[in-house]
Amino acid sequence: MKRLTRLIEGMGKETEAVRAARGELTLQEWNRYLTALYNVKYGLHDARIALQGAVNRLSAGKDG
């Protein structure tokens, strides 16, 4: 859970950095890159939610 949280935070920082400055990227490249970063961030968030569900189940002593 902690590793996923750190990854999500890191992706958030990268997203903010990219939003602040496009650099040498064309608008299309920048949009594709930013979209990919958001997709990764949301995917990591979904993974964290799934893992939390398993943790909750195991803490409650239930099987699947």
PDB file of N, CA and C in Angstrom:
ATOM      1  N   MET A   1       0.820  -1.186   0.000  1.00  0.00           N
ATOM      2  CA  MET A   1       0.000   0.000   0.000  1.00  0.00           C
ATOM      3  C   MET A   1       0.871   1.260   0.000  1.00  0.00           C
ATOM      4  N   LYS A   2       1.918   1.239   0.818  1.00  0.00           N
ATOM      5  CA  LYS A   2       2.780   2.416   0.898  1.00  0.00           C
ATOM      6  C   LYS A   2       3.508   2.656  -0.420  1.00  0.00           C
ATOM      7  N   ARG A   3       3.965   1.575  -1.056  1.00  0.00           N
ATOM      8  CA  ARG A   3       4.660   1.733  -2.345  1.00  0.00           C
ATOM      9  C   ARG A   3       3.719   2.286  -3.397  1.00  0.00           C
ATOM     10  N   LEU A   4       2.498   1.782  -3.437  1.00  0.00           N
ATOM     11  CA  LEU A   4       1.525   2.291  -4.403  1.00  0.00           C
ATOM     12  C   LEU A   4       1.215   3.762  -4.142  1.00  0.00           C
ATOM     13  N   THR A   5       1.094   4.116  -2.877  1.00  0.00           N
ATOM     14  CA  THR A   5       0.828   5.511  -2.534  1.00  0.00           C
ATOM     15  C   THR A   5       1.979   6.397  -3.004  1.00  0.00           C
ATOM     16  N   ARG A   6       3.216   5.960  -2.784  1.00  0.00           N
ATOM     17  CA  ARG A   6       4.372   6.751  -3.235  1.00  0.00           C
ATOM     18  C   ARG A   6       4.409   6.863  -4.756  1.00  0.00           C
ATOM     19  N   LEU A   7       4.077   5.778  -5.450  1.00  0.00           N
ATOM     20  CA  LEU A   7       4.030   5.829  -6.914  1.00  0.00           C
ATOM     21  C   LEU A   7       2.971   6.813  -7.402  1.00  0.00           C
ATOM     22  N   ILE A   8       1.809   6.780  -6.780  1.00  0.00           N
ATOM     23  CA  ILE A   8       0.728   7.702  -7.152  1.00  0.00           C
ATOM     24  C   ILE A   8       1.164   9.145  -6.916  1.00  0.00           C
ATOM     25  N   GLU A   9       1.787   9.389  -5.787  1.00  0.00           N
ATOM     26  CA  GLU A   9       2.264  10.744  -5.494  1.00  0.00           C
ATOM     27  C   GLU A   9       3.315  11.184  -6.513  1.00  0.00           C
ATOM     28  N   GLY A  10       4.213  10.271  -6.864  1.00  0.00           N
ATOM     29  CA  GLY A  10       5.238  10.584  -7.858  1.00  0.00           C
ATOM     30  C   GLY A  10       4.645  10.892  -9.220  1.00  0.00           C
ATOM     31  N   MET A  11       3.637  10.132  -9.611  1.00  0.00           N
ATOM     32  CA  MET A  11       2.974  10.392 -10.892  1.00  0.00           C
ATOM     33  C   MET A  11       2.256  11.736 -10.846  1.00  0.00           C
ATOM     34  N   GLY A  12       1.707  12.081  -9.698  1.00  0.00           N
ATOM     35  CA  GLY A  12       1.061  13.386  -9.551  1.00  0.00           C
ATOM     36  C   GLY A  12       2.062  14.519  -9.734  1.00  0.00           C
ATOM     37  N   LYS A  13       3.251  14.359  -9.158  1.00  0.00           N
ATOM     38  CA  LYS A  13       4.294  15.375  -9.310  1.00  0.00           C
ATOM     39  C   LYS A  13       4.740  15.494 -10.761  1.00  0.00           C
ATOM     40  N   GLU A  14       4.913  14.361 -11.425  1.00  0.00           N
ATOM     41  CA  GLU A  14       5.310  14.380 -12.835  1.00  0.00           C
ATOM     42  C   GLU A  14       4.235  15.042 -13.688  1.00  0.00           C
ATOM     43  N   THR A  15       2.987  14.732 -13.401  1.00  0.00           N
ATOM     44  CA  THR A  15       1.878  15.327 -14.141  1.00  0.00           C
ATOM     45  C   THR A  15       1.877  16.847 -13.984  1.00  0.00           C
ATOM     46  N   GLU A  16       2.073  17.310 -12.762  1.00  0.00           N
ATOM     47  CA  GLU A  16       2.103  18.753 -12.525  1.00  0.00           C
ATOM     48  C   GLU A  16       3.286  19.404 -13.240  1.00  0.00           C
ATOM     49  N   ALA A  17       4.437  18.746 -13.245  1.00  0.00           N
ATOM     50  CA  ALA A  17       5.615  19.290 -13.931  1.00  0.00           C
ATOM     51  C   ALA A  17       5.368  19.387 -15.435  1.00  0.00           C
ATOM     52  N   VAL A  18       4.726  18.371 -15.990  1.00  0.00           N
ATOM     53  CA  VAL A  18       4.445  18.366 -17.424  1.00  0.00           C
ATOM     54  C   VAL A  18       3.416  19.435 -17.765  1.00  0.00           C
ATOM     55  N   ARG A  19       2.426  19.596 -16.905  1.00  0.00           N
ATOM     56  CA  ARG A  19       1.404  20.619 -17.150  1.00  0.00           C
ATOM     57  C   ARG A  19       2.002  22.023 -17.095  1.00  0.00           C
ATOM     58  N   ALA A  20       3.036  22.189 -16.278  1.00  0.00           N
ATOM     59  CA  ALA A  20       3.645  23.511 -16.104  1.00  0.00           C
ATOM     60  C   ALA A  20       4.508  23.920 -17.292  1.00  0.00           C
ATOM     61  N   ALA A  21       5.118  22.951 -17.951  1.00  0.00           N
ATOM     62  CA  ALA A  21       6.023  23.288 -19.055  1.00  0.00           C
ATOM     63  C   ALA A  21       6.010  22.183 -20.091  1.00  0.00           C
ATOM     64  N   ARG A  22       5.684  22.538 -21.314  1.00  0.00           N
ATOM     65  CA  ARG A  22       5.607  21.565 -22.395  1.00  0.00           C
ATOM     66  C   ARG A  22       6.987  21.223 -22.939  1.00  0.00           C
ATOM     67  N   GLY A  23       7.938  22.113 -22.761  1.00  0.00           N
ATOM     68  CA  GLY A  23       9.288  21.862 -23.266  1.00  0.00           C
ATOM     69  C   GLY A  23       9.306  21.789 -24.781  1.00  0.00           C
ATOM     70  N   GLU A  24      10.020  20.833 -25.312  1.00  0.00           N
ATOM     71  CA  GLU A  24      10.177  20.675 -26.759  1.00  0.00           C
ATOM     72  C   GLU A  24       9.083  19.824 -27.402  1.00  0.00           C
ATOM     73  N   LEU A  25       8.131  19.362 -26.619  1.00  0.00           N
ATOM     74  CA  LEU A  25       7.074  18.508 -27.153  1.00  0.00           C
ATOM     75  C   LEU A  25       6.088  19.322 -27.988  1.00  0.00           C
ATOM     76  N   THR A  26       5.625  18.727 -29.072  1.00  0.00           N
ATOM     77  CA  THR A  26       4.539  19.351 -29.824  1.00  0.00           C
ATOM     78  C   THR A  26       3.274  19.236 -28.987  1.00  0.00           C
ATOM     79  N   LEU A  27       2.254  19.973 -29.339  1.00  0.00           N
ATOM     80  CA  LEU A  27       0.999  19.904 -28.593  1.00  0.00           C
ATOM     81  C   LEU A  27       0.444  18.485 -28.605  1.00  0.00           C
ATOM     82  N   GLN A  28       0.500  17.816 -29.737  1.00  0.00           N
ATOM     83  CA  GLN A  28      -0.004  16.441 -29.821  1.00  0.00           C
ATOM     84  C   GLN A  28       0.824  15.505 -28.937  1.00  0.00           C
ATOM     85  N   GLU A  29       2.145  15.621 -28.970  1.00  0.00           N
ATOM     86  CA  GLU A  29       2.997  14.775 -28.125  1.00  0.00           C
ATOM     87  C   GLU A  29       2.725  15.045 -26.651  1.00  0.00           C
ATOM     88  N   TRP A  30       2.584  16.321 -26.308  1.00  0.00           N
ATOM     89  CA  TRP A  30       2.329  16.705 -24.929  1.00  0.00           C
ATOM     90  C   TRP A  30       1.005  16.136 -24.451  1.00  0.00           C
ATOM     91  N   ASN A  31      -0.027  16.243 -25.266  1.00  0.00           N
ATOM     92  CA  ASN A  31      -1.345  15.695 -24.907  1.00  0.00           C
ATOM     93  C   ASN A  31      -1.296  14.190 -24.718  1.00  0.00           C
ATOM     94  N   ARG A  32      -0.601  13.497 -25.612  1.00  0.00           N
ATOM     95  CA  ARG A  32      -0.498  12.034 -25.492  1.00  0.00           C
ATOM     96  C   ARG A  32       0.255  11.642 -24.227  1.00  0.00           C
ATOM     97  N   TYR A  33       1.345  12.352 -23.944  1.00  0.00           N
ATOM     98  CA  TYR A  33       2.139  12.053 -22.756  1.00  0.00           C
ATOM     99  C   TYR A  33       1.342  12.334 -21.485  1.00  0.00           C
ATOM    100  N   LEU A  34       0.688  13.467 -21.434  1.00  0.00           N
ATOM    101  CA  LEU A  34      -0.102  13.826 -20.266  1.00  0.00           C
ATOM    102  C   LEU A  34      -1.244  12.834 -20.051  1.00  0.00           C
ATOM    103  N   THR A  35      -1.894  12.438 -21.127  1.00  0.00           N
ATOM    104  CA  THR A  35      -2.971  11.440 -21.027  1.00  0.00           C
ATOM    105  C   THR A  35      -2.424  10.122 -20.485  1.00  0.00           C
ATOM    106  N   ALA A  36      -1.268   9.698 -20.966  1.00  0.00           N
ATOM    107  CA  ALA A  36      -0.657   8.455 -20.484  1.00  0.00           C
ATOM    108  C   ALA A  36      -0.322   8.554 -18.995  1.00  0.00           C
ATOM    109  N   LEU A  37       0.184   9.708 -18.563  1.00  0.00           N
ATOM    110  CA  LEU A  37       0.486   9.887 -17.141  1.00  0.00           C
ATOM    111  C   LEU A  37      -0.774   9.778 -16.292  1.00  0.00           C
ATOM    112  N   TYR A  38      -1.845  10.415 -16.748  1.00  0.00           N
ATOM    113  CA  TYR A  38      -3.113  10.318 -16.007  1.00  0.00           C
ATOM    114  C   TYR A  38      -3.604   8.867 -15.964  1.00  0.00           C
ATOM    115  N   ASN A  39      -3.482   8.149 -17.073  1.00  0.00           N
ATOM    116  CA  ASN A  39      -3.912   6.751 -17.102  1.00  0.00           C
ATOM    117  C   ASN A  39      -3.126   5.905 -16.108  1.00  0.00           C
ATOM    118  N   VAL A  40      -1.819   6.135 -16.028  1.00  0.00           N
ATOM    119  CA  VAL A  40      -0.994   5.400 -15.071  1.00  0.00           C
ATOM    120  C   VAL A  40      -1.416   5.736 -13.642  1.00  0.00           C
ATOM    121  N   LYS A  41      -1.599   7.016 -13.376  1.00  0.00           N
ATOM    122  CA  LYS A  41      -1.986   7.443 -12.032  1.00  0.00           C
ATOM    123  C   LYS A  41      -3.315   6.810 -11.620  1.00  0.00           C
ATOM    124  N   TYR A  42      -4.297   6.829 -12.511  1.00  0.00           N
ATOM    125  CA  TYR A  42      -5.604   6.247 -12.189  1.00  0.00           C
ATOM    126  C   TYR A  42      -5.510   4.724 -12.062  1.00  0.00           C
ATOM    127  N   GLY A  43      -4.672   4.090 -12.879  1.00  0.00           N
ATOM    128  CA  GLY A  43      -4.471   2.643 -12.774  1.00  0.00           C
ATOM    129  C   GLY A  43      -3.850   2.261 -11.438  1.00  0.00           C
ATOM    130  N   LEU A  44      -2.869   3.036 -10.991  1.00  0.00           N
ATOM    131  CA  LEU A  44      -2.257   2.783  -9.686  1.00  0.00           C
ATOM    132  C   LEU A  44      -3.272   2.983  -8.568  1.00  0.00           C
ATOM    133  N   HIS A  45      -4.104   3.984  -8.708  1.00  0.00           N
ATOM    134  CA  HIS A  45      -5.159   4.225  -7.704  1.00  0.00           C
ATOM    135  C   HIS A  45      -6.110   3.035  -7.644  1.00  0.00           C
ATOM    136  N   ASP A  46      -6.502   2.515  -8.799  1.00  0.00           N
ATOM    137  CA  ASP A  46      -7.384   1.340  -8.832  1.00  0.00           C
ATOM    138  C   ASP A  46      -6.705   0.134  -8.193  1.00  0.00           C
ATOM    139  N   ALA A  47      -5.407  -0.035  -8.440  1.00  0.00           N
ATOM    140  CA  ALA A  47      -4.658  -1.146  -7.837  1.00  0.00           C
ATOM    141  C   ALA A  47      -4.636  -1.012  -6.321  1.00  0.00           C
ATOM    142  N   ARG A  48      -4.466   0.208  -5.845  1.00  0.00           N
ATOM    143  CA  ARG A  48      -4.450   0.442  -4.397  1.00  0.00           C
ATOM    144  C   ARG A  48      -5.806   0.112  -3.780  1.00  0.00           C
ATOM    145  N   ILE A  49      -6.880   0.460  -4.459  1.00  0.00           N
ATOM    146  CA  ILE A  49      -8.221   0.153  -3.960  1.00  0.00           C
ATOM    147  C   ILE A  49      -8.431  -1.364  -3.911  1.00  0.00           C
ATOM    148  N   ALA A  50      -7.998  -2.063  -4.951  1.00  0.00           N
ATOM    149  CA  ALA A  50      -8.138  -3.525  -4.975  1.00  0.00           C
ATOM    150  C   ALA A  50      -7.336  -4.163  -3.849  1.00  0.00           C
ATOM    151  N   LEU A  51      -6.120  -3.681  -3.646  1.00  0.00           N
ATOM    152  CA  LEU A  51      -5.282  -4.223  -2.581  1.00  0.00           C
ATOM    153  C   LEU A  51      -5.881  -3.922  -1.217  1.00  0.00           C
ATOM    154  N   GLN A  52      -6.437  -2.738  -1.048  1.00  0.00           N
ATOM    155  CA  GLN A  52      -7.062  -2.389   0.227  1.00  0.00           C
ATOM    156  C   GLN A  52      -8.246  -3.313   0.512  1.00  0.00           C
ATOM    157  N   GLY A  53      -8.986  -3.677  -0.528  1.00  0.00           N
ATOM    158  CA  GLY A  53     -10.089  -4.615  -0.344  1.00  0.00           C
ATOM    159  C   GLY A  53      -9.599  -5.958   0.177  1.00  0.00           C
ATOM    160  N   ALA A  54      -8.485  -6.429  -0.364  1.00  0.00           N
ATOM    161  CA  ALA A  54      -7.913  -7.695   0.103  1.00  0.00           C
ATOM    162  C   ALA A  54      -7.423  -7.571   1.544  1.00  0.00           C
ATOM    163  N   VAL A  55      -6.790  -6.472   1.862  1.00  0.00           N
ATOM    164  CA  VAL A  55      -6.324  -6.235   3.231  1.00  0.00           C
ATOM    165  C   VAL A  55      -7.505  -6.225   4.194  1.00  0.00           C
ATOM    166  N   ASN A  56      -8.567  -5.549   3.818  1.00  0.00           N
ATOM    167  CA  ASN A  56      -9.760  -5.501   4.669  1.00  0.00           C
ATOM    168  C   ASN A  56     -10.344  -6.891   4.877  1.00  0.00           C
ATOM    169  N   ARG A  57     -10.411  -7.673   3.798  1.00  0.00           N
ATOM    170  CA  ARG A  57     -10.953  -9.028   3.908  1.00  0.00           C
ATOM    171  C   ARG A  57     -10.107  -9.882   4.817  1.00  0.00           C
ATOM    172  N   LEU A  58      -8.780  -9.811   4.657  1.00  0.00           N
ATOM    173  CA  LEU A  58      -7.896 -10.625   5.483  1.00  0.00           C
ATOM    174  C   LEU A  58      -7.923 -10.176   6.941  1.00  0.00           C
ATOM    175  N   SER A  59      -8.061  -8.881   7.152  1.00  0.00           N
ATOM    176  CA  SER A  59      -8.139  -8.362   8.527  1.00  0.00           C
ATOM    177  C   SER A  59      -9.409  -8.837   9.219  1.00  0.00           C
ATOM    178  N   ALA A  60     -10.471  -9.001   8.443  1.00  0.00           N
ATOM    179  CA  ALA A  60     -11.748  -9.447   9.009  1.00  0.00           C
ATOM    180  C   ALA A  60     -11.790 -10.968   9.163  1.00  0.00           C
ATOM    181  N   GLY A  61     -10.765 -11.654   8.635  1.00  0.00           N
ATOM    182  CA  GLY A  61     -10.708 -13.104   8.765  1.00  0.00           C
ATOM    183  C   GLY A  61     -11.605 -13.842   7.808  1.00  0.00           C
ATOM    184  N   LYS A  62     -11.962 -13.201   6.686  1.00  0.00           N
ATOM    185  CA  LYS A  62     -12.822 -13.827   5.702  1.00  0.00           C
ATOM    186  C   LYS A  62     -11.981 -14.375   4.556  1.00  0.00           C
ATOM    187  N   ASP A  63     -12.472 -15.422   3.932  1.00  0.00           N
ATOM    188  CA  ASP A  63     -11.867 -15.920   2.683  1.00  0.00           C
ATOM    189  C   ASP A  63     -12.664 -15.328   1.534  1.00  0.00           C
ATOM    190  N   GLY A  64     -12.173 -15.281   0.341  1.00  0.00           N
ATOM    191  CA  GLY A  64     -12.760 -14.732  -0.857  1.00  0.00           C
ATOM    192  C   GLY A  64     -14.222 -14.701  -0.928  1.00  0.00           C
TER     193      GLY A  64
END
